[in-house]
Amino acid sequence: MTTNLAGEVSRATGAENTLTNNLSAEAAARAAADTAETNRAQTAEAANAANIVTETTRASGAEATLTTNLAGEVTRATSAETTLTNNLSTEAATRAAAESAARAAADTAETNRAQAAEATNAANIASETTRATGAEIAETARATGAEATLTTNLASEVSRATSAESAEATTRAAADLANANAISAETTRATGAETAETARAQGAEATLTTNLSNEVSRATTAETANANAISAETTRATGAEATLTSSVNANAAAITSETTRAMGAEATLTTNLAGEVSRATSAENTLTSNLSSEVTRATTAEGAEATARAADLGGDNTGHRCGSDLDQQSKQ
């Protein structure tokens, strides 16, 4: 019963250790998956951030180029207008000097021409200004459109990355939830199995306890019939079970002592046997010698007796015969 109980405890402990190891392995695998997913998301986010930085740098460079080009166009137009103004002023001064030296009538014509030229110049300046302004407006519209496109693309990229990250977070949350549910289910199953195993083990232990109690009662009843012997055995067994090592040492010492005692007893027996053999041999020799002496004595006595009888009956044949018959009958 003790062996079965120990085996059951060992089996239950092994099952619990297996469940614990499986749960630890599952948790480690899930943690590794979460770490890998986090690293992947961080890598994707870093790539998105790098792309955004690259796009921002490109857009900033394009805007700087547009700004530089616009500033160059404004400078060129301003310079051209200044040149035209200077040329106009020079032309007016030249014409004024020539007209002063010429006739006064020419002044009016020259004035008219100059005014027409100035009007033309003004129209040209206005036209150039309109063209430059249109070009500037078109360039501004193009730059604004490009910036709007870049802003839209950037917003789209941010929206896409956010959606991807949200989807990734949703997927990760779903996976985490699935993992948590799986772990919970495994924990519930393991707990159920452990509970069932505990109940079964406790039932088996209760049965073993009952059987042990019954056996103790039976043994106690049986021991009552032989109280002294059972008490001594119980004391010995209890001491042996409580101090197994000491009992083994004591047994070894007892075996050594018993071996020594037995060897001594065997030596004594051998000596005694040798003495007994010697004594018996001597006694047998003495008995043999005594028997031989007795045989010799009896034979001598019988011979002497026969001789004496023969002497007593020497002259009487009948008496001799009768004596001989009596001797033979006596011997028979």
C-alpha atoms as a PDB file:
ATOM      1  CA  MET A   1       0.000   0.000   0.000  1.00  0.00           C
ATOM      2  CA  THR A   2       2.843   2.405   0.863  1.00  0.00           C
ATOM      3  CA  THR A   3       4.506   1.586  -2.486  1.00  0.00           C
ATOM      4  CA  ASN A   4       1.240   2.221  -4.389  1.00  0.00           C
ATOM      5  CA  LEU A   5       0.722   5.512  -2.537  1.00  0.00           C
ATOM      6  CA  ALA A   6       4.307   6.605  -3.275  1.00  0.00           C
ATOM      7  CA  GLY A   7       3.838   5.615  -6.938  1.00  0.00           C
ATOM      8  CA  GLU A   8       0.579   7.579  -7.147  1.00  0.00           C
ATOM      9  CA  VAL A   9       2.202  10.645  -5.552  1.00  0.00           C
ATOM     10  CA  SER A  10       5.147  10.330  -7.976  1.00  0.00           C
ATOM     11  CA  ARG A  11       2.782   9.997 -10.981  1.00  0.00           C
ATOM     12  CA  ALA A  12       0.647  12.981  -9.862  1.00  0.00           C
ATOM     13  CA  THR A  13       3.777  15.064  -9.234  1.00  0.00           C
ATOM     14  CA  GLY A  14       5.136  14.132 -12.686  1.00  0.00           C
ATOM     15  CA  ALA A  15       1.808  15.104 -14.311  1.00  0.00           C
ATOM     16  CA  GLU A  16       1.786  18.439 -12.487  1.00  0.00           C
ATOM     17  CA  ASN A  17       5.424  19.076 -13.502  1.00  0.00           C
ATOM     18  CA  THR A  18       4.551  18.243 -17.129  1.00  0.00           C
ATOM     19  CA  LEU A  19       1.584  20.648 -17.062  1.00  0.00           C
ATOM     20  CA  THR A  20       3.766  23.347 -15.456  1.00  0.00           C
ATOM     21  CA  ASN A  21       6.508  22.852 -18.088  1.00  0.00           C
ATOM     22  CA  ASN A  22       3.951  22.947 -20.942  1.00  0.00           C
ATOM     23  CA  LEU A  23       2.425  26.145 -19.541  1.00  0.00           C
ATOM     24  CA  SER A  24       5.890  27.720 -19.141  1.00  0.00           C
ATOM     25  CA  ALA A  25       6.811  26.698 -22.713  1.00  0.00           C
ATOM     26  CA  GLU A  26       3.523  28.157 -24.033  1.00  0.00           C
ATOM     27  CA  ALA A  27       4.080  31.418 -22.120  1.00  0.00           C
ATOM     28  CA  ALA A  28       7.677  31.609 -23.414  1.00  0.00           C
ATOM     29  CA  ALA A  29       6.505  30.977 -27.005  1.00  0.00           C
ATOM     30  CA  ARG A  30       3.808  33.634 -26.714  1.00  0.00           C
ATOM     31  CA  ALA A  31       6.283  36.107 -25.194  1.00  0.00           C
ATOM     32  CA  ALA A  32       8.747  35.393 -28.029  1.00  0.00           C
ATOM     33  CA  ALA A  33       5.945  35.901 -30.612  1.00  0.00           C
ATOM     34  CA  ASP A  34       4.929  39.171 -28.943  1.00  0.00           C
ATOM     35  CA  THR A  35       8.563  40.307 -28.922  1.00  0.00           C
ATOM     36  CA  ALA A  36       8.976  39.397 -32.607  1.00  0.00           C
ATOM     37  CA  GLU A  37       5.736  41.219 -33.492  1.00  0.00           C
ATOM     38  CA  THR A  38       6.822  44.276 -31.481  1.00  0.00           C
ATOM     39  CA  ASN A  39      10.204  44.275 -33.244  1.00  0.00           C
ATOM     40  CA  ARG A  40       8.491  43.972 -36.664  1.00  0.00           C
ATOM     41  CA  ALA A  41       6.064  46.816 -35.875  1.00  0.00           C
ATOM     42  CA  GLN A  42       8.887  48.986 -34.563  1.00  0.00           C
ATOM     43  CA  THR A  43      10.919  48.257 -37.711  1.00  0.00           C
ATOM     44  CA  ALA A  44       7.923  49.158 -39.934  1.00  0.00           C
ATOM     45  CA  GLU A  45       7.307  52.329 -37.916  1.00  0.00           C
ATOM     46  CA  ALA A  46      11.002  53.238 -38.154  1.00  0.00           C
ATOM     47  CA  ALA A  47      10.861  52.677 -41.959  1.00  0.00           C
ATOM     48  CA  ASN A  48       7.707  54.833 -42.176  1.00  0.00           C
ATOM     49  CA  ALA A  49       9.364  57.532 -40.074  1.00  0.00           C
ATOM     50  CA  ALA A  50      12.456  57.398 -42.320  1.00  0.00           C
ATOM     51  CA  ASN A  51      10.246  57.650 -45.447  1.00  0.00           C
ATOM     52  CA  ILE A  52       8.393  60.612 -43.928  1.00  0.00           C
ATOM     53  CA  VAL A  53      11.713  62.293 -43.114  1.00  0.00           C
ATOM     54  CA  THR A  54      12.943  61.612 -46.673  1.00  0.00           C
ATOM     55  CA  GLU A  55       9.712  63.004 -48.190  1.00  0.00           C
ATOM     56  CA  THR A  56       9.848  66.039 -45.900  1.00  0.00           C
ATOM     57  CA  THR A  57      13.475  66.653 -46.910  1.00  0.00           C
ATOM     58  CA  ARG A  58      12.602  66.320 -50.624  1.00  0.00           C
ATOM     59  CA  ALA A  59       9.573  68.639 -50.291  1.00  0.00           C
ATOM     60  CA  SER A  60      11.599  71.159 -48.320  1.00  0.00           C
ATOM     61  CA  GLY A  61      14.319  71.056 -50.990  1.00  0.00           C
ATOM     62  CA  ALA A  62      11.717  71.510 -53.757  1.00  0.00           C
ATOM     63  CA  GLU A  63      10.100  74.420 -51.885  1.00  0.00           C
ATOM     64  CA  ALA A  64      13.529  75.983 -51.321  1.00  0.00           C
ATOM     65  CA  THR A  65      14.281  75.603 -55.060  1.00  0.00           C
ATOM     66  CA  LEU A  66      10.909  77.185 -55.954  1.00  0.00           C
ATOM     67  CA  THR A  67      11.524  80.015 -53.513  1.00  0.00           C
ATOM     68  CA  THR A  68      15.012  80.578 -54.963  1.00  0.00           C
ATOM     69  CA  ASN A  69      13.669  80.498 -58.532  1.00  0.00           C
ATOM     70  CA  LEU A  70      10.878  82.919 -57.628  1.00  0.00           C
ATOM     71  CA  ALA A  71      13.319  85.269 -55.931  1.00  0.00           C
ATOM     72  CA  GLY A  72      15.598  85.047 -59.023  1.00  0.00           C
ATOM     73  CA  GLU A  73      12.638  85.857 -61.337  1.00  0.00           C
ATOM     74  CA  VAL A  74      11.616  88.816 -59.167  1.00  0.00           C
ATOM     75  CA  THR A  75      15.217  90.082 -59.200  1.00  0.00           C
ATOM     76  CA  ARG A  76      15.448  89.630 -62.994  1.00  0.00           C
ATOM     77  CA  ALA A  77      12.129  91.418 -63.622  1.00  0.00           C
ATOM     78  CA  THR A  78      13.042  94.228 -61.242  1.00  0.00           C
ATOM     79  CA  SER A  79      16.432  94.589 -62.919  1.00  0.00           C
ATOM     80  CA  ALA A  80      14.806  94.653 -66.378  1.00  0.00           C
ATOM     81  CA  GLU A  81      12.301  97.273 -65.231  1.00  0.00           C
ATOM     82  CA  THR A  82      15.116  99.344 -63.739  1.00  0.00           C
ATOM     83  CA  THR A  83      17.097  99.052 -66.987  1.00  0.00           C
ATOM     84  CA  LEU A  84      14.069 100.116 -69.004  1.00  0.00           C
ATOM     85  CA  THR A  85      13.457 103.031 -66.666  1.00  0.00           C
ATOM     86  CA  ASN A  86      17.079 104.094 -66.877  1.00  0.00           C
ATOM     87  CA  ASN A  87      17.052 103.751 -70.662  1.00  0.00           C
ATOM     88  CA  LEU A  88      13.861 105.730 -70.794  1.00  0.00           C
ATOM     89  CA  SER A  89      15.319 108.463 -68.641  1.00  0.00           C
ATOM     90  CA  THR A  90      18.486 108.563 -70.741  1.00  0.00           C
ATOM     91  CA  GLU A  91      16.439 108.651 -73.922  1.00  0.00           C
ATOM     92  CA  ALA A  92      14.259 111.458 -72.566  1.00  0.00           C
ATOM     93  CA  ALA A  93      17.274 113.548 -71.547  1.00  0.00           C
ATOM     94  CA  THR A  94      18.933 112.995 -74.911  1.00  0.00           C
ATOM     95  CA  ARG A  95      15.819 113.876 -76.788  1.00  0.00           C
ATOM     96  CA  ALA A  96      15.217 116.933 -74.596  1.00  0.00           C
ATOM     97  CA  ALA A  97      18.734 118.238 -75.278  1.00  0.00           C
ATOM     98  CA  ALA A  98      18.378 117.608 -79.020  1.00  0.00           C
ATOM     99  CA  GLU A  99      15.018 119.197 -79.150  1.00  0.00           C
ATOM    100  CA  SER A 100      16.254 122.238 -77.210  1.00  0.00           C
ATOM    101  CA  ALA A 101      18.965 122.761 -79.820  1.00  0.00           C
ATOM    102  CA  ALA A 102      16.480 122.086 -82.645  1.00  0.00           C
ATOM    103  CA  ARG A 103      13.279 123.676 -83.281  1.00  0.00           C
ATOM    104  CA  ALA A 104      10.524 124.156 -80.833  1.00  0.00           C
ATOM    105  CA  ALA A 105       7.998 122.484 -83.068  1.00  0.00           C
ATOM    106  CA  ALA A 106       9.982 119.357 -82.915  1.00  0.00           C
ATOM    107  CA  ASP A 107       9.568 119.498 -79.171  1.00  0.00           C
ATOM    108  CA  THR A 108       5.909 118.810 -79.497  1.00  0.00           C
ATOM    109  CA  ALA A 109       6.492 115.961 -81.927  1.00  0.00           C
ATOM    110  CA  GLU A 110       9.290 114.643 -79.817  1.00  0.00           C
ATOM    111  CA  THR A 111       7.161 115.087 -76.756  1.00  0.00           C
ATOM    112  CA  ASN A 112       4.414 113.223 -78.502  1.00  0.00           C
ATOM    113  CA  ARG A 113       6.857 110.546 -79.617  1.00  0.00           C
ATOM    114  CA  ALA A 114       8.458 110.422 -76.245  1.00  0.00           C
ATOM    115  CA  GLN A 115       5.078 110.189 -74.587  1.00  0.00           C
ATOM    116  CA  ALA A 116       4.127 107.482 -77.061  1.00  0.00           C
ATOM    117  CA  ALA A 117       7.403 105.736 -76.372  1.00  0.00           C
ATOM    118  CA  GLU A 118       6.814 106.147 -72.693  1.00  0.00           C
ATOM    119  CA  ALA A 119       3.306 104.846 -73.130  1.00  0.00           C
ATOM    120  CA  THR A 120       4.755 101.925 -75.071  1.00  0.00           C
ATOM    121  CA  ASN A 121       7.371 101.478 -72.410  1.00  0.00           C
ATOM    122  CA  ALA A 122       4.696 101.725 -69.760  1.00  0.00           C
ATOM    123  CA  ALA A 123       2.621  99.203 -71.698  1.00  0.00           C
ATOM    124  CA  ASN A 124       5.686  96.993 -72.076  1.00  0.00           C
ATOM    125  CA  ILE A 125       6.443  97.417 -68.399  1.00  0.00           C
ATOM    126  CA  ALA A 126       2.812  96.675 -67.548  1.00  0.00           C
ATOM    127  CA  SER A 127       2.889  93.695 -69.906  1.00  0.00           C
ATOM    128  CA  GLU A 128       6.151  92.470 -68.387  1.00  0.00           C
ATOM    129  CA  THR A 129       4.788  93.089 -64.940  1.00  0.00           C
ATOM    130  CA  THR A 130       1.639  91.198 -65.867  1.00  0.00           C
ATOM    131  CA  ARG A 131       3.695  88.373 -67.371  1.00  0.00           C
ATOM    132  CA  ALA A 132       6.045  88.259 -64.395  1.00  0.00           C
ATOM    133  CA  THR A 133       3.118  88.449 -62.010  1.00  0.00           C
ATOM    134  CA  GLY A 134       1.355  85.676 -63.964  1.00  0.00           C
ATOM    135  CA  ALA A 135       4.519  83.608 -63.952  1.00  0.00           C
ATOM    136  CA  GLU A 136       4.934  84.228 -60.242  1.00  0.00           C
ATOM    137  CA  ILE A 137       1.278  83.375 -59.640  1.00  0.00           C
ATOM    138  CA  ALA A 138       1.610  80.248 -61.822  1.00  0.00           C
ATOM    139  CA  GLU A 139       4.817  79.263 -60.031  1.00  0.00           C
ATOM    140  CA  THR A 140       3.170  79.945 -56.683  1.00  0.00           C
ATOM    141  CA  ALA A 141       0.125  77.909 -57.758  1.00  0.00           C
ATOM    142  CA  ARG A 142       2.386  75.100 -58.977  1.00  0.00           C
ATOM    143  CA  ALA A 143       4.457  75.178 -55.779  1.00  0.00           C
ATOM    144  CA  THR A 144       1.274  75.360 -53.716  1.00  0.00           C
ATOM    145  CA  GLY A 145      -0.175  72.469 -55.709  1.00  0.00           C
ATOM    146  CA  ALA A 146       3.032  70.479 -55.283  1.00  0.00           C
ATOM    147  CA  GLU A 147       3.041  71.259 -51.587  1.00  0.00           C
ATOM    148  CA  ALA A 148      -0.649  70.300 -51.378  1.00  0.00           C
ATOM    149  CA  THR A 149       0.138  67.065 -53.238  1.00  0.00           C
ATOM    150  CA  LEU A 150       3.036  66.401 -50.883  1.00  0.00           C
ATOM    151  CA  THR A 151       0.822  67.216 -47.903  1.00  0.00           C
ATOM    152  CA  THR A 152      -1.879  64.908 -49.260  1.00  0.00           C
ATOM    153  CA  ASN A 153       0.656  62.148 -49.932  1.00  0.00           C
ATOM    154  CA  LEU A 154       2.137  62.652 -46.483  1.00  0.00           C
ATOM    155  CA  ALA A 155      -1.350  62.574 -44.919  1.00  0.00           C
ATOM    156  CA  SER A 156      -2.168  59.449 -46.970  1.00  0.00           C
ATOM    157  CA  GLU A 157       1.077  57.810 -45.836  1.00  0.00           C
ATOM    158  CA  VAL A 158       0.373  58.766 -42.219  1.00  0.00           C
ATOM    159  CA  SER A 159      -3.198  57.466 -42.582  1.00  0.00           C
ATOM    160  CA  ARG A 160      -1.938  54.250 -44.231  1.00  0.00           C
ATOM    161  CA  ALA A 161       0.738  53.729 -41.560  1.00  0.00           C
ATOM    162  CA  THR A 162      -1.786  54.508 -38.819  1.00  0.00           C
ATOM    163  CA  SER A 163      -4.280  52.070 -40.358  1.00  0.00           C
ATOM    164  CA  ALA A 164      -1.566  49.424 -40.733  1.00  0.00           C
ATOM    165  CA  GLU A 165      -0.453  49.987 -37.170  1.00  0.00           C
ATOM    166  CA  SER A 166      -4.077  49.894 -35.998  1.00  0.00           C
ATOM    167  CA  ALA A 167      -4.676  46.675 -37.966  1.00  0.00           C
ATOM    168  CA  GLU A 168      -1.435  45.276 -36.569  1.00  0.00           C
ATOM    169  CA  ALA A 169      -2.478  46.275 -33.057  1.00  0.00           C
ATOM    170  CA  THR A 170      -5.910  44.696 -33.657  1.00  0.00           C
ATOM    171  CA  THR A 171      -4.294  41.511 -34.981  1.00  0.00           C
ATOM    172  CA  ARG A 172      -1.847  41.499 -32.089  1.00  0.00           C
ATOM    173  CA  ALA A 173      -4.672  42.092 -29.601  1.00  0.00           C
ATOM    174  CA  ALA A 174      -6.664  39.255 -31.209  1.00  0.00           C
ATOM    175  CA  ALA A 175      -3.604  36.975 -31.067  1.00  0.00           C
ATOM    176  CA  ASP A 176      -2.954  37.999 -27.468  1.00  0.00           C
ATOM    177  CA  LEU A 177      -6.604  37.347 -26.651  1.00  0.00           C
ATOM    178  CA  ALA A 178      -6.427  33.970 -28.395  1.00  0.00           C
ATOM    179  CA  ASN A 179      -3.233  33.186 -26.484  1.00  0.00           C
ATOM    180  CA  ALA A 180      -4.826  34.310 -23.237  1.00  0.00           C
ATOM    181  CA  ASN A 181      -7.921  32.209 -23.988  1.00  0.00           C
ATOM    182  CA  ALA A 182      -5.734  29.214 -24.867  1.00  0.00           C
ATOM    183  CA  ILE A 183      -3.708  29.668 -21.682  1.00  0.00           C
ATOM    184  CA  SER A 184      -6.919  30.104 -19.687  1.00  0.00           C
ATOM    185  CA  ALA A 185      -8.401  26.992 -21.303  1.00  0.00           C
ATOM    186  CA  GLU A 186      -5.201  25.054 -20.652  1.00  0.00           C
ATOM    187  CA  THR A 187      -5.147  26.334 -17.071  1.00  0.00           C
ATOM    188  CA  THR A 188      -8.798  25.348 -16.633  1.00  0.00           C
ATOM    189  CA  ARG A 189      -8.133  21.925 -18.181  1.00  0.00           C
ATOM    190  CA  ALA A 190      -4.986  21.419 -16.099  1.00  0.00           C
ATOM    191  CA  THR A 191      -6.791  22.611 -12.967  1.00  0.00           C
ATOM    192  CA  GLY A 192      -9.665  20.247 -13.743  1.00  0.00           C
ATOM    193  CA  ALA A 193      -7.245  17.396 -14.366  1.00  0.00           C
ATOM    194  CA  GLU A 194      -5.345  18.221 -11.199  1.00  0.00           C
ATOM    195  CA  THR A 195      -8.619  18.483  -9.254  1.00  0.00           C
ATOM    196  CA  ALA A 196      -9.785  15.143 -10.650  1.00  0.00           C
ATOM    197  CA  GLU A 197      -6.376  13.627  -9.965  1.00  0.00           C
ATOM    198  CA  THR A 198      -6.409  15.097  -6.445  1.00  0.00           C
ATOM    199  CA  ALA A 199      -9.901  13.718  -5.851  1.00  0.00           C
ATOM    200  CA  ARG A 200      -8.853  10.328  -7.229  1.00  0.00           C
ATOM    201  CA  ALA A 201      -5.623  10.356  -5.207  1.00  0.00           C
ATOM    202  CA  GLN A 202      -7.496  11.460  -2.089  1.00  0.00           C
ATOM    203  CA  GLY A 203     -10.066   8.711  -2.703  1.00  0.00           C
ATOM    204  CA  ALA A 204      -7.282   6.183  -3.154  1.00  0.00           C
ATOM    205  CA  GLU A 205      -5.544   7.538  -0.065  1.00  0.00           C
ATOM    206  CA  ALA A 206      -8.834   7.345   1.867  1.00  0.00           C
ATOM    207  CA  THR A 207      -9.248   3.742   0.696  1.00  0.00           C
ATOM    208  CA  LEU A 208      -5.663   3.013   1.647  1.00  0.00           C
ATOM    209  CA  THR A 209      -6.232   4.728   5.002  1.00  0.00           C
ATOM    210  CA  THR A 210      -9.419   2.697   5.547  1.00  0.00           C
ATOM    211  CA  ASN A 211      -7.671  -0.486   4.503  1.00  0.00           C
ATOM    212  CA  LEU A 212      -4.738   0.438   6.714  1.00  0.00           C
ATOM    213  CA  SER A 213      -7.123   1.165   9.598  1.00  0.00           C
ATOM    214  CA  ASN A 214      -8.850  -2.161   9.036  1.00  0.00           C
ATOM    215  CA  GLU A 215      -5.499  -3.882   8.856  1.00  0.00           C
ATOM    216  CA  VAL A 216      -4.389  -2.096  12.037  1.00  0.00           C
ATOM    217  CA  SER A 217      -7.581  -3.218  13.776  1.00  0.00           C
ATOM    218  CA  ARG A 218      -7.097  -6.764  12.528  1.00  0.00           C
ATOM    219  CA  ALA A 219      -3.419  -6.707  13.452  1.00  0.00           C
ATOM    220  CA  THR A 220      -4.246  -5.181  16.851  1.00  0.00           C
ATOM    221  CA  THR A 221      -6.792  -7.961  17.449  1.00  0.00           C
ATOM    222  CA  ALA A 222      -4.260 -10.545  16.347  1.00  0.00           C
ATOM    223  CA  GLU A 223      -1.557  -8.896  18.407  1.00  0.00           C
ATOM    224  CA  THR A 224      -3.758  -9.046  21.491  1.00  0.00           C
ATOM    225  CA  ALA A 225      -3.413 -12.849  21.426  1.00  0.00           C
ATOM    226  CA  ASN A 226       0.329 -12.559  21.609  1.00  0.00           C
ATOM    227  CA  ALA A 227       0.828  -9.186  23.309  1.00  0.00           C
ATOM    228  CA  ASN A 228       4.408  -9.631  24.465  1.00  0.00           C
ATOM    229  CA  ALA A 229       5.761 -10.916  21.129  1.00  0.00           C
ATOM    230  CA  ILE A 230       3.807  -8.346  19.073  1.00  0.00           C
ATOM    231  CA  SER A 231       4.877  -5.547  21.427  1.00  0.00           C
ATOM    232  CA  ALA A 232       8.512  -6.514  21.056  1.00  0.00           C
ATOM    233  CA  GLU A 233       8.113  -6.813  17.259  1.00  0.00           C
ATOM    234  CA  THR A 234       6.200  -3.510  17.091  1.00  0.00           C
ATOM    235  CA  THR A 235       8.919  -1.778  19.097  1.00  0.00           C
ATOM    236  CA  ARG A 236      11.585  -3.304  16.883  1.00  0.00           C
ATOM    237  CA  ALA A 237       9.719  -2.473  13.655  1.00  0.00           C
ATOM    238  CA  THR A 238       8.916   1.079  14.812  1.00  0.00           C
ATOM    239  CA  GLY A 239      12.523   1.674  15.760  1.00  0.00           C
ATOM    240  CA  ALA A 240      13.697   0.166  12.476  1.00  0.00           C
ATOM    241  CA  GLU A 241      11.280   2.319  10.423  1.00  0.00           C
ATOM    242  CA  ALA A 242      12.091   5.496  12.376  1.00  0.00           C
ATOM    243  CA  THR A 243      15.847   5.015  12.222  1.00  0.00           C
ATOM    244  CA  LEU A 244      16.495   2.978   9.091  1.00  0.00           C
ATOM    245  CA  THR A 245      20.135   3.964   8.883  1.00  0.00           C
ATOM    246  CA  SER A 246      20.741   3.215  12.534  1.00  0.00           C
ATOM    247  CA  SER A 247      18.906  -0.083  12.124  1.00  0.00           C
ATOM    248  CA  VAL A 248      21.080  -0.976   9.138  1.00  0.00           C
ATOM    249  CA  ASN A 249      24.190  -0.126  11.146  1.00  0.00           C
ATOM    250  CA  ALA A 250      22.811  -2.033  14.130  1.00  0.00           C
ATOM    251  CA  ASN A 251      21.998  -4.973  11.863  1.00  0.00           C
ATOM    252  CA  ALA A 252      25.516  -4.856  10.463  1.00  0.00           C
ATOM    253  CA  ALA A 253      26.912  -4.756  13.989  1.00  0.00           C
ATOM    254  CA  ALA A 254      24.561  -7.560  15.026  1.00  0.00           C
ATOM    255  CA  ILE A 255      25.588  -9.582  11.987  1.00  0.00           C
ATOM    256  CA  THR A 256      29.240  -8.969  12.831  1.00  0.00           C
ATOM    257  CA  SER A 257      28.579  -9.899  16.472  1.00  0.00           C
ATOM    258  CA  GLU A 258      26.564 -12.939  15.434  1.00  0.00           C
ATOM    259  CA  THR A 259      29.304 -13.926  12.995  1.00  0.00           C
ATOM    260  CA  THR A 260      31.882 -13.562  15.743  1.00  0.00           C
ATOM    261  CA  ARG A 261      29.641 -15.442  18.182  1.00  0.00           C
ATOM    262  CA  ALA A 262      28.861 -18.143  15.629  1.00  0.00           C
ATOM    263  CA  MET A 263      32.511 -18.485  14.679  1.00  0.00           C
ATOM    264  CA  GLY A 264      33.380 -18.690  18.382  1.00  0.00           C
ATOM    265  CA  ALA A 265      30.569 -21.181  18.966  1.00  0.00           C
ATOM    266  CA  GLU A 266      31.683 -23.159  15.922  1.00  0.00           C
ATOM    267  CA  ALA A 267      35.268 -23.103  17.193  1.00  0.00           C
ATOM    268  CA  THR A 268      34.021 -24.215  20.625  1.00  0.00           C
ATOM    269  CA  LEU A 269      31.859 -26.901  19.002  1.00  0.00           C
ATOM    270  CA  THR A 270      34.825 -27.996  16.879  1.00  0.00           C
ATOM    271  CA  THR A 271      37.013 -28.135  19.984  1.00  0.00           C
ATOM    272  CA  ASN A 272      34.285 -29.878  21.964  1.00  0.00           C
ATOM    273  CA  LEU A 273      33.678 -32.248  19.056  1.00  0.00           C
ATOM    274  CA  ALA A 274      37.374 -32.990  18.812  1.00  0.00           C
ATOM    275  CA  GLY A 275      37.436 -33.522  22.601  1.00  0.00           C
ATOM    276  CA  GLU A 276      34.310 -35.670  22.397  1.00  0.00           C
ATOM    277  CA  VAL A 277      35.806 -37.663  19.516  1.00  0.00           C
ATOM    278  CA  SER A 278      39.005 -38.059  21.492  1.00  0.00           C
ATOM    279  CA  ARG A 279      37.026 -38.940  24.611  1.00  0.00           C
ATOM    280  CA  ALA A 280      34.744 -41.332  22.734  1.00  0.00           C
ATOM    281  CA  THR A 281      37.702 -42.887  20.939  1.00  0.00           C
ATOM    282  CA  SER A 282      39.519 -43.268  24.239  1.00  0.00           C
ATOM    283  CA  ALA A 283      36.369 -44.641  25.876  1.00  0.00           C
ATOM    284  CA  GLU A 284      35.801 -46.970  22.927  1.00  0.00           C
ATOM    285  CA  ASN A 285      39.434 -48.086  23.136  1.00  0.00           C
ATOM    286  CA  THR A 286      39.027 -48.579  26.888  1.00  0.00           C
ATOM    287  CA  LEU A 287      35.772 -50.494  26.342  1.00  0.00           C
ATOM    288  CA  THR A 288      37.421 -52.549  23.606  1.00  0.00           C
ATOM    289  CA  SER A 289      40.372 -53.262  25.864  1.00  0.00           C
ATOM    290  CA  ASN A 290      38.095 -54.043  28.794  1.00  0.00           C
ATOM    291  CA  LEU A 291      35.917 -56.187  26.556  1.00  0.00           C
ATOM    292  CA  SER A 292      38.985 -58.004  25.290  1.00  0.00           C
ATOM    293  CA  SER A 293      40.210 -58.456  28.850  1.00  0.00           C
ATOM    294  CA  GLU A 294      36.744 -59.621  29.873  1.00  0.00           C
ATOM    295  CA  VAL A 295      36.606 -62.036  26.952  1.00  0.00           C
ATOM    296  CA  THR A 296      40.038 -63.317  27.853  1.00  0.00           C
ATOM    297  CA  ARG A 297      39.056 -63.552  31.501  1.00  0.00           C
ATOM    298  CA  ALA A 298      35.753 -65.244  30.704  1.00  0.00           C
ATOM    299  CA  THR A 299      37.425 -67.607  28.279  1.00  0.00           C
ATOM    300  CA  THR A 300      40.084 -68.433  30.871  1.00  0.00           C
ATOM    301  CA  ALA A 301      37.449 -68.843  33.567  1.00  0.00           C
ATOM    302  CA  GLU A 302      35.320 -71.002  31.322  1.00  0.00           C
ATOM    303  CA  GLY A 303      38.386 -73.086  30.456  1.00  0.00           C
ATOM    304  CA  ALA A 304      39.264 -73.408  34.107  1.00  0.00           C
ATOM    305  CA  GLU A 305      35.657 -74.262  34.903  1.00  0.00           C
ATOM    306  CA  ALA A 306      35.614 -76.880  32.197  1.00  0.00           C
ATOM    307  CA  THR A 307      38.893 -78.311  33.403  1.00  0.00           C
ATOM    308  CA  ALA A 308      37.649 -78.378  36.978  1.00  0.00           C
ATOM    309  CA  ARG A 309      34.484 -80.095  35.936  1.00  0.00           C
ATOM    310  CA  ALA A 310      36.376 -82.536  33.882  1.00  0.00           C
ATOM    311  CA  ALA A 311      38.614 -83.255  36.833  1.00  0.00           C
ATOM    312  CA  ASP A 312      35.632 -83.730  39.119  1.00  0.00           C
ATOM    313  CA  LEU A 313      33.993 -86.108  36.717  1.00  0.00           C
ATOM    314  CA  GLY A 314      37.119 -87.807  35.379  1.00  0.00           C
ATOM    315  CA  GLY A 315      36.374 -91.373  36.569  1.00  0.00           C
ATOM    316  CA  ASP A 316      32.678 -91.423  35.921  1.00  0.00           C
ATOM    317  CA  ASN A 317      31.826 -91.615  32.202  1.00  0.00           C
ATOM    318  CA  THR A 318      28.109 -91.422  32.787  1.00  0.00           C
ATOM    319  CA  GLY A 319      28.565 -88.568  35.092  1.00  0.00           C
ATOM    320  CA  HIS A 320      31.001 -87.094  32.658  1.00  0.00           C
ATOM    321  CA  ARG A 321      28.513 -87.455  29.838  1.00  0.00           C
ATOM    322  CA  CYS A 322      25.703 -86.072  31.902  1.00  0.00           C
ATOM    323  CA  GLY A 323      27.940 -83.212  33.007  1.00  0.00           C
ATOM    324  CA  SER A 324      28.894 -82.585  29.421  1.00  0.00           C
ATOM    325  CA  ASP A 325      25.245 -82.623  28.365  1.00  0.00           C
ATOM    326  CA  LEU A 326      24.381 -80.237  31.135  1.00  0.00           C
ATOM    327  CA  ASP A 327      27.250 -77.959  30.117  1.00  0.00           C
ATOM    328  CA  GLN A 328      26.117 -77.998  26.501  1.00  0.00           C
ATOM    329  CA  GLN A 329      22.512 -77.304  27.477  1.00  0.00           C
ATOM    330  CA  SER A 330      23.724 -74.529  29.768  1.00  0.00           C
ATOM    331  CA  LYS A 331      25.728 -73.020  26.919  1.00  0.00           C
ATOM    332  CA  GLN A 332      22.737 -73.310  24.602  1.00  0.00           C
END
